[in-house]
Amino acid sequence: MHLNTLQRNQNYLIYGIAVLLAGLFSCKEPAGHSASVQLTVKRFEKDLFSIDQNNYNASLDSLQQEYPAFYPIYFSRIVGFGQVKDSTYRIITRDFINNADLKMLYHDCDSVYANFDGISRDLGQAFGRYQALFPEDTIPEIITFISGFNNGVVTGEGFVGIGLDMFLGEDYRFYPSVNIPRFIVRRMNRDHMVPTVMQGVISAKYETENGTAQTLLDQMIEHGKRLYFLDQVLPATHDSLKIGYSAAQLKWCKQNETNIWGLFLEENVLYSTDQLKFSKYIDVNCT
């Protein structure tokens, strides 16, 4: 394949980067047959939307006691209602749970994920392998919520939060109205939930500090490490789900590996620290 053909397929190059670096960590032996762990799963969205509005303030206080770590993060960061010490967030929250569109969104999430047992089982197996890799870590509780199409996975002290409204399937009726790019919507389904959660977990554990991943190669290695981790905790999961590509994109990357490396060498970007020079290969907004 000629160089200009690769350049015309620039969006596939973005997908190719992580595939190539995953190859550097290609020993795919999982972390053994680790025992599954029993996860605690709490449904915050159910508790929020079923709150007793005749006893509103006391009910919110009870909700905060039930979710001491997650509650302030939800209202201040996820839905942006302000600090929970401010009285205004209570007014906004009442409007939120009574909004017709959001009540419909809650109903849709409740319909799709009325039974969370399968997801809980798969996460329990993944965290069992995680515990074998990091025995000193505490297994978090799982908290589901509705984000208003803002967050798919949120991590915090002792919990992992899953925004169910970000996993309703690529044909979900409200996604077009919130202008989420199609290539992202394609991954917003049940099959991608567990890989996305575990990606969030390892990213939170080893979040790259600003300035440490300077070159394109640095950033490729960081992504490659995360893919290697996913291989360890999700050994039976297809690569396309862990990487977030379609089967055709993944196939294209593997078929054109030599040409992709050739393009990077031709453009002299592997060791470049000029973000403007190589951002087109890693910035999802360029697709």
C-alpha atoms as a PDB file:
ATOM      1  CA  MET A   1       0.000   0.000   0.000  1.00  0.00           C
ATOM      2  CA  HIS A   2       1.355   3.424  -0.934  1.00  0.00           C
ATOM      3  CA  LEU A   3       2.032   6.159   1.579  1.00  0.00           C
ATOM      4  CA  ASN A   4      -0.699   8.465   0.238  1.00  0.00           C
ATOM      5  CA  THR A   5      -3.250   5.675   0.614  1.00  0.00           C
ATOM      6  CA  LEU A   6      -2.299   5.376   4.271  1.00  0.00           C
ATOM      7  CA  GLN A   7      -2.689   9.102   4.689  1.00  0.00           C
ATOM      8  CA  ARG A   8      -6.175   8.930   3.232  1.00  0.00           C
ATOM      9  CA  ASN A   9      -6.945   6.296   5.866  1.00  0.00           C
ATOM     10  CA  GLN A  10      -5.739   8.550   8.670  1.00  0.00           C
ATOM     11  CA  ASN A  11      -8.587   7.632  10.970  1.00  0.00           C
ATOM     12  CA  TYR A  12      -7.526   3.970  10.824  1.00  0.00           C
ATOM     13  CA  LEU A  13      -4.004   5.037  11.778  1.00  0.00           C
ATOM     14  CA  ILE A  14      -5.424   6.284  15.043  1.00  0.00           C
ATOM     15  CA  TYR A  15      -6.811   2.809  15.642  1.00  0.00           C
ATOM     16  CA  GLY A  16      -3.559   1.252  14.514  1.00  0.00           C
ATOM     17  CA  ILE A  17      -1.383   2.962  17.098  1.00  0.00           C
ATOM     18  CA  ALA A  18      -2.634   0.983  20.068  1.00  0.00           C
ATOM     19  CA  VAL A  19      -2.662  -2.265  18.089  1.00  0.00           C
ATOM     20  CA  LEU A  20       0.995  -1.839  17.191  1.00  0.00           C
ATOM     21  CA  LEU A  21       2.015  -1.116  20.760  1.00  0.00           C
ATOM     22  CA  ALA A  22      -0.090  -3.934  22.106  1.00  0.00           C
ATOM     23  CA  GLY A  23       2.192  -6.082  19.981  1.00  0.00           C
ATOM     24  CA  LEU A  24       5.154  -4.996  22.106  1.00  0.00           C
ATOM     25  CA  PHE A  25       3.349  -6.540  25.086  1.00  0.00           C
ATOM     26  CA  SER A  26       2.102  -9.459  23.033  1.00  0.00           C
ATOM     27  CA  CYS A  27       2.589 -12.228  25.588  1.00  0.00           C
ATOM     28  CA  LYS A  28      -1.094 -12.753  26.282  1.00  0.00           C
ATOM     29  CA  GLU A  29      -0.938 -15.142  29.205  1.00  0.00           C
ATOM     30  CA  PRO A  30      -3.732 -14.064  31.520  1.00  0.00           C
ATOM     31  CA  ALA A  31      -3.255 -13.758  35.237  1.00  0.00           C
ATOM     32  CA  GLY A  32      -4.305 -17.346  35.799  1.00  0.00           C
ATOM     33  CA  HIS A  33      -7.671 -18.845  36.655  1.00  0.00           C
ATOM     34  CA  SER A  34      -8.294 -16.457  39.512  1.00  0.00           C
ATOM     35  CA  ALA A  35     -11.415 -16.926  41.559  1.00  0.00           C
ATOM     36  CA  SER A  36     -14.274 -14.585  40.804  1.00  0.00           C
ATOM     37  CA  VAL A  37     -15.009 -12.041  43.508  1.00  0.00           C
ATOM     38  CA  GLN A  38     -18.482 -11.191  44.770  1.00  0.00           C
ATOM     39  CA  LEU A  39     -19.105  -7.555  43.981  1.00  0.00           C
ATOM     40  CA  THR A  40     -21.397  -5.176  45.799  1.00  0.00           C
ATOM     41  CA  VAL A  41     -23.642  -3.506  43.192  1.00  0.00           C
ATOM     42  CA  LYS A  42     -25.727  -0.501  44.206  1.00  0.00           C
ATOM     43  CA  ARG A  43     -28.286   1.173  41.946  1.00  0.00           C
ATOM     44  CA  PHE A  44     -28.013   4.892  42.672  1.00  0.00           C
ATOM     45  CA  GLU A  45     -30.355   5.872  39.840  1.00  0.00           C
ATOM     46  CA  LYS A  46     -33.137   3.726  41.321  1.00  0.00           C
ATOM     47  CA  ASP A  47     -32.672   5.235  44.757  1.00  0.00           C
ATOM     48  CA  LEU A  48     -32.578   8.768  43.356  1.00  0.00           C
ATOM     49  CA  PHE A  49     -35.638   8.532  41.106  1.00  0.00           C
ATOM     50  CA  SER A  50     -37.693   6.746  43.766  1.00  0.00           C
ATOM     51  CA  ILE A  51     -36.946   9.343  46.431  1.00  0.00           C
ATOM     52  CA  ASP A  52     -39.829  10.349  48.721  1.00  0.00           C
ATOM     53  CA  GLN A  53     -40.628  13.852  47.529  1.00  0.00           C
ATOM     54  CA  ASN A  54     -43.084  14.376  50.375  1.00  0.00           C
ATOM     55  CA  ASN A  55     -40.113  14.118  52.696  1.00  0.00           C
ATOM     56  CA  TYR A  56     -37.607  15.472  50.216  1.00  0.00           C
ATOM     57  CA  ASN A  57     -34.772  16.959  52.274  1.00  0.00           C
ATOM     58  CA  ALA A  58     -34.644  14.086  54.750  1.00  0.00           C
ATOM     59  CA  SER A  59     -34.697  11.601  51.859  1.00  0.00           C
ATOM     60  CA  LEU A  60     -31.770  13.349  50.174  1.00  0.00           C
ATOM     61  CA  ASP A  61     -29.882  13.261  53.464  1.00  0.00           C
ATOM     62  CA  SER A  62     -30.522   9.518  53.717  1.00  0.00           C
ATOM     63  CA  LEU A  63     -29.295   9.069  50.143  1.00  0.00           C
ATOM     64  CA  GLN A  64     -26.100  10.907  51.007  1.00  0.00           C
ATOM     65  CA  GLN A  65     -25.548   8.628  53.999  1.00  0.00           C
ATOM     66  CA  GLU A  66     -26.045   5.576  51.780  1.00  0.00           C
ATOM     67  CA  TYR A  67     -23.509   6.850  49.200  1.00  0.00           C
ATOM     68  CA  PRO A  68     -21.029   8.935  51.225  1.00  0.00           C
ATOM     69  CA  ALA A  69     -18.189   8.923  48.655  1.00  0.00           C
ATOM     70  CA  PHE A  70     -20.218   8.880  45.450  1.00  0.00           C
ATOM     71  CA  TYR A  71     -22.974  11.362  46.361  1.00  0.00           C
ATOM     72  CA  PRO A  72     -20.908  14.600  46.302  1.00  0.00           C
ATOM     73  CA  ILE A  73     -19.059  13.531  43.153  1.00  0.00           C
ATOM     74  CA  TYR A  74     -22.329  12.789  41.389  1.00  0.00           C
ATOM     75  CA  PHE A  75     -23.923  16.142  42.073  1.00  0.00           C
ATOM     76  CA  SER A  76     -20.848  18.351  41.760  1.00  0.00           C
ATOM     77  CA  ARG A  77     -18.953  16.683  38.890  1.00  0.00           C
ATOM     78  CA  ILE A  78     -21.158  14.273  36.967  1.00  0.00           C
ATOM     79  CA  VAL A  79     -24.365  16.298  36.644  1.00  0.00           C
ATOM     80  CA  GLY A  80     -22.862  19.631  37.707  1.00  0.00           C
ATOM     81  CA  PHE A  81     -25.485  20.762  40.223  1.00  0.00           C
ATOM     82  CA  GLY A  82     -22.974  22.430  42.537  1.00  0.00           C
ATOM     83  CA  GLN A  83     -21.544  21.575  45.911  1.00  0.00           C
ATOM     84  CA  VAL A  84     -23.810  19.555  48.179  1.00  0.00           C
ATOM     85  CA  LYS A  85     -23.255  22.073  50.962  1.00  0.00           C
ATOM     86  CA  ASP A  86     -25.143  24.614  48.826  1.00  0.00           C
ATOM     87  CA  SER A  87     -28.931  24.626  49.118  1.00  0.00           C
ATOM     88  CA  THR A  88     -29.369  25.325  45.380  1.00  0.00           C
ATOM     89  CA  TYR A  89     -28.396  21.805  44.332  1.00  0.00           C
ATOM     90  CA  ARG A  90     -31.469  20.433  46.125  1.00  0.00           C
ATOM     91  CA  ILE A  91     -33.738  22.635  44.005  1.00  0.00           C
ATOM     92  CA  ILE A  92     -31.995  21.586  40.792  1.00  0.00           C
ATOM     93  CA  THR A  93     -32.107  17.939  41.842  1.00  0.00           C
ATOM     94  CA  ARG A  94     -35.868  18.065  42.331  1.00  0.00           C
ATOM     95  CA  ASP A  95     -36.236  19.481  38.809  1.00  0.00           C
ATOM     96  CA  PHE A  96     -33.897  16.767  37.520  1.00  0.00           C
ATOM     97  CA  ILE A  97     -35.878  13.824  38.880  1.00  0.00           C
ATOM     98  CA  ASN A  98     -39.169  15.355  37.736  1.00  0.00           C
ATOM     99  CA  ASN A  99     -38.016  16.214  34.225  1.00  0.00           C
ATOM    100  CA  ALA A 100     -40.085  14.246  31.703  1.00  0.00           C
ATOM    101  CA  ASP A 101     -37.138  13.467  29.391  1.00  0.00           C
ATOM    102  CA  LEU A 102     -34.908  12.336  32.239  1.00  0.00           C
ATOM    103  CA  LYS A 103     -37.666  10.193  33.705  1.00  0.00           C
ATOM    104  CA  MET A 104     -37.966   8.560  30.280  1.00  0.00           C
ATOM    105  CA  LEU A 105     -34.185   8.068  30.197  1.00  0.00           C
ATOM    106  CA  TYR A 106     -34.320   6.478  33.649  1.00  0.00           C
ATOM    107  CA  HIS A 107     -37.125   4.184  32.489  1.00  0.00           C
ATOM    108  CA  ASP A 108     -35.098   3.150  29.420  1.00  0.00           C
ATOM    109  CA  CYS A 109     -32.014   2.407  31.530  1.00  0.00           C
ATOM    110  CA  ASP A 110     -34.131   0.450  33.981  1.00  0.00           C
ATOM    111  CA  SER A 111     -35.624  -1.561  31.119  1.00  0.00           C
ATOM    112  CA  VAL A 112     -32.296  -2.406  29.489  1.00  0.00           C
ATOM    113  CA  TYR A 113     -30.505  -3.115  32.771  1.00  0.00           C
ATOM    114  CA  ALA A 114     -33.344  -4.398  34.941  1.00  0.00           C
ATOM    115  CA  ASN A 115     -31.218  -7.498  35.457  1.00  0.00           C
ATOM    116  CA  PHE A 116     -27.578  -6.630  36.128  1.00  0.00           C
ATOM    117  CA  ASP A 117     -26.518 -10.161  37.078  1.00  0.00           C
ATOM    118  CA  GLY A 118     -24.632 -10.892  33.855  1.00  0.00           C
ATOM    119  CA  ILE A 119     -22.615  -7.686  34.018  1.00  0.00           C
ATOM    120  CA  SER A 120     -21.952  -8.241  37.722  1.00  0.00           C
ATOM    121  CA  ARG A 121     -20.716 -11.777  37.030  1.00  0.00           C
ATOM    122  CA  ASP A 122     -18.361 -10.632  34.249  1.00  0.00           C
ATOM    123  CA  LEU A 123     -17.014  -7.795  36.392  1.00  0.00           C
ATOM    124  CA  GLY A 124     -16.566 -10.214  39.292  1.00  0.00           C
ATOM    125  CA  GLN A 125     -14.390 -12.437  37.104  1.00  0.00           C
ATOM    126  CA  ALA A 126     -12.382  -9.443  35.851  1.00  0.00           C
ATOM    127  CA  PHE A 127     -11.832  -8.136  39.370  1.00  0.00           C
ATOM    128  CA  GLY A 128     -10.849 -11.619  40.504  1.00  0.00           C
ATOM    129  CA  ARG A 129      -7.968 -11.468  38.017  1.00  0.00           C
ATOM    130  CA  TYR A 130      -7.307  -7.874  39.038  1.00  0.00           C
ATOM    131  CA  GLN A 131      -6.971  -8.989  42.661  1.00  0.00           C
ATOM    132  CA  ALA A 132      -4.425 -11.619  41.605  1.00  0.00           C
ATOM    133  CA  LEU A 133      -2.390  -8.886  39.912  1.00  0.00           C
ATOM    134  CA  PHE A 134      -2.795  -6.318  42.701  1.00  0.00           C
ATOM    135  CA  PRO A 135      -3.481  -8.241  45.946  1.00  0.00           C
ATOM    136  CA  GLU A 136      -2.907  -5.127  48.042  1.00  0.00           C
ATOM    137  CA  ASP A 137      -5.814  -3.281  46.399  1.00  0.00           C
ATOM    138  CA  THR A 138      -9.349  -3.225  47.761  1.00  0.00           C
ATOM    139  CA  ILE A 139     -12.046  -4.349  45.352  1.00  0.00           C
ATOM    140  CA  PRO A 140     -14.429  -1.425  44.802  1.00  0.00           C
ATOM    141  CA  GLU A 141     -18.184  -1.497  44.993  1.00  0.00           C
ATOM    142  CA  ILE A 142     -20.070  -0.923  41.734  1.00  0.00           C
ATOM    143  CA  ILE A 143     -22.510   1.981  41.604  1.00  0.00           C
ATOM    144  CA  THR A 144     -24.798   2.511  38.614  1.00  0.00           C
ATOM    145  CA  PHE A 145     -26.205   5.925  37.784  1.00  0.00           C
ATOM    146  CA  ILE A 146     -27.618   8.161  35.064  1.00  0.00           C
ATOM    147  CA  SER A 147     -25.242  10.874  33.898  1.00  0.00           C
ATOM    148  CA  GLY A 148     -27.345  12.838  31.435  1.00  0.00           C
ATOM    149  CA  PHE A 149     -24.998  11.567  28.682  1.00  0.00           C
ATOM    150  CA  ASN A 150     -21.915  12.938  30.449  1.00  0.00           C
ATOM    151  CA  ASN A 151     -19.942  10.005  31.880  1.00  0.00           C
ATOM    152  CA  GLY A 152     -19.664   6.304  31.152  1.00  0.00           C
ATOM    153  CA  VAL A 153     -17.273   5.350  33.948  1.00  0.00           C
ATOM    154  CA  VAL A 154     -16.296   7.322  37.058  1.00  0.00           C
ATOM    155  CA  THR A 155     -13.850   6.077  39.667  1.00  0.00           C
ATOM    156  CA  GLY A 156     -13.441   7.276  43.233  1.00  0.00           C
ATOM    157  CA  GLU A 157     -12.378   6.160  46.677  1.00  0.00           C
ATOM    158  CA  GLY A 158     -13.787   2.654  47.064  1.00  0.00           C
ATOM    159  CA  PHE A 159     -16.175   2.695  44.105  1.00  0.00           C
ATOM    160  CA  VAL A 160     -16.507   2.458  40.342  1.00  0.00           C
ATOM    161  CA  GLY A 161     -19.530   4.241  38.909  1.00  0.00           C
ATOM    162  CA  ILE A 162     -21.166   3.165  35.642  1.00  0.00           C
ATOM    163  CA  GLY A 163     -23.330   5.606  33.709  1.00  0.00           C
ATOM    164  CA  LEU A 164     -25.969   3.291  32.278  1.00  0.00           C
ATOM    165  CA  ASP A 165     -27.231   5.911  29.829  1.00  0.00           C
ATOM    166  CA  MET A 166     -23.886   5.645  28.022  1.00  0.00           C
ATOM    167  CA  PHE A 167     -24.454   1.947  27.232  1.00  0.00           C
ATOM    168  CA  LEU A 168     -27.962   1.768  25.755  1.00  0.00           C
ATOM    169  CA  GLY A 169     -26.989   0.546  22.280  1.00  0.00           C
ATOM    170  CA  GLU A 170     -25.919   2.397  19.155  1.00  0.00           C
ATOM    171  CA  ASP A 171     -29.508   2.740  17.910  1.00  0.00           C
ATOM    172  CA  TYR A 172     -30.784   4.330  21.102  1.00  0.00           C
ATOM    173  CA  ARG A 173     -33.265   7.044  20.145  1.00  0.00           C
ATOM    174  CA  PHE A 174     -31.771   9.947  22.146  1.00  0.00           C
ATOM    175  CA  TYR A 175     -28.130   9.595  21.059  1.00  0.00           C
ATOM    176  CA  PRO A 176     -28.487  11.560  17.787  1.00  0.00           C
ATOM    177  CA  SER A 177     -29.959  14.525  19.652  1.00  0.00           C
ATOM    178  CA  VAL A 178     -26.916  14.932  21.930  1.00  0.00           C
ATOM    179  CA  ASN A 179     -24.397  15.050  19.053  1.00  0.00           C
ATOM    180  CA  ILE A 180     -22.207  12.166  20.153  1.00  0.00           C
ATOM    181  CA  PRO A 181     -19.901  11.176  17.261  1.00  0.00           C
ATOM    182  CA  ARG A 182     -21.024   8.059  15.466  1.00  0.00           C
ATOM    183  CA  PHE A 183     -17.742   6.219  15.990  1.00  0.00           C
ATOM    184  CA  ILE A 184     -18.211   6.634  19.750  1.00  0.00           C
ATOM    185  CA  VAL A 185     -21.911   5.725  19.701  1.00  0.00           C
ATOM    186  CA  ARG A 186     -20.978   2.430  18.045  1.00  0.00           C
ATOM    187  CA  ARG A 187     -19.258   1.433  21.296  1.00  0.00           C
ATOM    188  CA  MET A 188     -22.056   2.545  23.625  1.00  0.00           C
ATOM    189  CA  ASN A 189     -23.597  -0.850  24.286  1.00  0.00           C
ATOM    190  CA  ARG A 190     -23.665  -3.703  26.775  1.00  0.00           C
ATOM    191  CA  ASP A 191     -20.788  -5.602  25.140  1.00  0.00           C
ATOM    192  CA  HIS A 192     -18.408  -2.676  25.648  1.00  0.00           C
ATOM    193  CA  MET A 193     -19.398  -1.977  29.256  1.00  0.00           C
ATOM    194  CA  VAL A 194     -17.040  -4.338  31.100  1.00  0.00           C
ATOM    195  CA  PRO A 195     -13.959  -3.514  28.957  1.00  0.00           C
ATOM    196  CA  THR A 196     -14.714   0.202  29.390  1.00  0.00           C
ATOM    197  CA  VAL A 197     -15.021  -0.204  33.151  1.00  0.00           C
ATOM    198  CA  MET A 198     -11.707  -2.051  33.437  1.00  0.00           C
ATOM    199  CA  GLN A 199     -10.049   0.518  31.163  1.00  0.00           C
ATOM    200  CA  GLY A 200     -11.276   3.203  33.566  1.00  0.00           C
ATOM    201  CA  VAL A 201      -9.960   1.263  36.552  1.00  0.00           C
ATOM    202  CA  ILE A 202      -6.417   0.926  35.218  1.00  0.00           C
ATOM    203  CA  SER A 203      -6.379   4.496  33.912  1.00  0.00           C
ATOM    204  CA  ALA A 204      -7.289   5.748  37.388  1.00  0.00           C
ATOM    205  CA  LYS A 205      -4.642   3.545  39.026  1.00  0.00           C
ATOM    206  CA  TYR A 206      -1.858   4.626  36.693  1.00  0.00           C
ATOM    207  CA  GLU A 207      -3.035   7.977  35.456  1.00  0.00           C
ATOM    208  CA  THR A 208      -0.253   9.529  33.399  1.00  0.00           C
ATOM    209  CA  GLU A 209       0.949  12.750  34.953  1.00  0.00           C
ATOM    210  CA  ASN A 210       0.974  15.800  32.722  1.00  0.00           C
ATOM    211  CA  GLY A 211       4.241  16.040  30.882  1.00  0.00           C
ATOM    212  CA  THR A 212       5.408  12.437  31.322  1.00  0.00           C
ATOM    213  CA  ALA A 213       4.060  11.156  27.990  1.00  0.00           C
ATOM    214  CA  GLN A 214       5.785  13.714  25.789  1.00  0.00           C
ATOM    215  CA  THR A 215       6.416  11.971  22.486  1.00  0.00           C
ATOM    216  CA  LEU A 216       4.098  10.035  20.208  1.00  0.00           C
ATOM    217  CA  LEU A 217       5.974   6.858  21.160  1.00  0.00           C
ATOM    218  CA  ASP A 218       5.502   7.647  24.863  1.00  0.00           C
ATOM    219  CA  GLN A 219       1.759   7.906  24.361  1.00  0.00           C
ATOM    220  CA  MET A 220       1.662   4.762  22.257  1.00  0.00           C
ATOM    221  CA  ILE A 221       3.422   2.855  25.040  1.00  0.00           C
ATOM    222  CA  GLU A 222       0.960   4.155  27.634  1.00  0.00           C
ATOM    223  CA  HIS A 223      -1.974   2.906  25.547  1.00  0.00           C
ATOM    224  CA  GLY A 224      -0.186  -0.385  24.920  1.00  0.00           C
ATOM    225  CA  LYS A 225       0.245  -0.987  28.647  1.00  0.00           C
ATOM    226  CA  ARG A 226      -3.475  -0.489  29.209  1.00  0.00           C
ATOM    227  CA  LEU A 227      -4.315  -2.958  26.450  1.00  0.00           C
ATOM    228  CA  TYR A 228      -1.933  -5.473  27.992  1.00  0.00           C
ATOM    229  CA  PHE A 229      -3.738  -5.046  31.315  1.00  0.00           C
ATOM    230  CA  LEU A 230      -7.076  -5.698  29.599  1.00  0.00           C
ATOM    231  CA  ASP A 231      -5.634  -8.884  28.119  1.00  0.00           C
ATOM    232  CA  GLN A 232      -4.817 -10.040  31.654  1.00  0.00           C
ATOM    233  CA  VAL A 233      -8.184  -9.325  33.263  1.00  0.00           C
ATOM    234  CA  LEU A 234     -10.383 -10.064  30.212  1.00  0.00           C
ATOM    235  CA  PRO A 235      -8.584 -12.931  28.433  1.00  0.00           C
ATOM    236  CA  ALA A 236     -11.731 -14.284  26.754  1.00  0.00           C
ATOM    237  CA  THR A 237     -12.932 -10.900  25.495  1.00  0.00           C
ATOM    238  CA  HIS A 238     -12.410 -10.183  21.797  1.00  0.00           C
ATOM    239  CA  ASP A 239      -9.713  -7.641  20.994  1.00  0.00           C
ATOM    240  CA  SER A 240     -12.190  -5.478  19.093  1.00  0.00           C
ATOM    241  CA  LEU A 241     -14.132  -4.870  22.323  1.00  0.00           C
ATOM    242  CA  LYS A 242     -11.037  -4.085  24.358  1.00  0.00           C
ATOM    243  CA  ILE A 243      -9.653  -1.692  21.761  1.00  0.00           C
ATOM    244  CA  GLY A 244     -13.009  -0.305  20.704  1.00  0.00           C
ATOM    245  CA  TYR A 245     -12.644  -0.957  16.980  1.00  0.00           C
ATOM    246  CA  SER A 246     -14.892  -2.636  14.519  1.00  0.00           C
ATOM    247  CA  ALA A 247     -13.681  -5.995  13.239  1.00  0.00           C
ATOM    248  CA  ALA A 248     -12.882  -4.355   9.880  1.00  0.00           C
ATOM    249  CA  GLN A 249     -10.760  -1.636  11.507  1.00  0.00           C
ATOM    250  CA  LEU A 250      -8.849  -4.166  13.571  1.00  0.00           C
ATOM    251  CA  LYS A 251      -8.205  -6.300  10.505  1.00  0.00           C
ATOM    252  CA  TRP A 252      -7.014  -3.237   8.569  1.00  0.00           C
ATOM    253  CA  CYS A 253      -4.508  -2.342  11.306  1.00  0.00           C
ATOM    254  CA  LYS A 254      -3.023  -5.827  11.379  1.00  0.00           C
ATOM    255  CA  GLN A 255      -2.789  -6.033   7.604  1.00  0.00           C
ATOM    256  CA  ASN A 256      -1.052  -2.655   7.347  1.00  0.00           C
ATOM    257  CA  GLU A 257       1.270  -2.802  10.351  1.00  0.00           C
ATOM    258  CA  THR A 258       4.462  -2.492   8.278  1.00  0.00           C
ATOM    259  CA  ASN A 259       3.075   0.412   6.283  1.00  0.00           C
ATOM    260  CA  ILE A 260       1.915   2.257   9.393  1.00  0.00           C
ATOM    261  CA  TRP A 261       5.361   2.040  10.972  1.00  0.00           C
ATOM    262  CA  GLY A 262       6.784   3.169   7.631  1.00  0.00           C
ATOM    263  CA  LEU A 263       4.551   6.235   7.625  1.00  0.00           C
ATOM    264  CA  PHE A 264       5.639   7.218  11.142  1.00  0.00           C
ATOM    265  CA  LEU A 265       9.293   6.876  10.152  1.00  0.00           C
ATOM    266  CA  GLU A 266       8.709   8.812   6.933  1.00  0.00           C
ATOM    267  CA  GLU A 267       7.104  11.678   8.828  1.00  0.00           C
ATOM    268  CA  ASN A 268       9.647  11.467  11.674  1.00  0.00           C
ATOM    269  CA  VAL A 269       6.992  11.628  14.384  1.00  0.00           C
ATOM    270  CA  LEU A 270       7.803   8.750  16.746  1.00  0.00           C
ATOM    271  CA  TYR A 271      10.193  10.806  18.877  1.00  0.00           C
ATOM    272  CA  SER A 272       8.615  14.163  18.218  1.00  0.00           C
ATOM    273  CA  THR A 273       7.393  16.252  21.149  1.00  0.00           C
ATOM    274  CA  ASP A 274       5.453  18.556  18.840  1.00  0.00           C
ATOM    275  CA  GLN A 275       1.828  17.726  19.647  1.00  0.00           C
ATOM    276  CA  LEU A 276       0.623  19.624  16.579  1.00  0.00           C
ATOM    277  CA  LYS A 277       2.753  17.380  14.398  1.00  0.00           C
ATOM    278  CA  PHE A 278       1.279  14.073  15.542  1.00  0.00           C
ATOM    279  CA  SER A 279      -2.047  14.958  17.175  1.00  0.00           C
ATOM    280  CA  LYS A 280      -3.859  13.912  13.992  1.00  0.00           C
ATOM    281  CA  TYR A 281      -2.879  10.316  14.785  1.00  0.00           C
ATOM    282  CA  ILE A 282      -4.127  10.246  18.379  1.00  0.00           C
ATOM    283  CA  ASP A 283      -6.768  12.951  18.730  1.00  0.00           C
ATOM    284  CA  VAL A 284     -10.226  11.381  18.377  1.00  0.00           C
ATOM    285  CA  ASN A 285     -11.595  14.754  17.311  1.00  0.00           C
ATOM    286  CA  CYS A 286      -9.597  14.413  14.089  1.00  0.00           C
ATOM    287  CA  THR A 287     -11.474  11.326  12.903  1.00  0.00           C
END
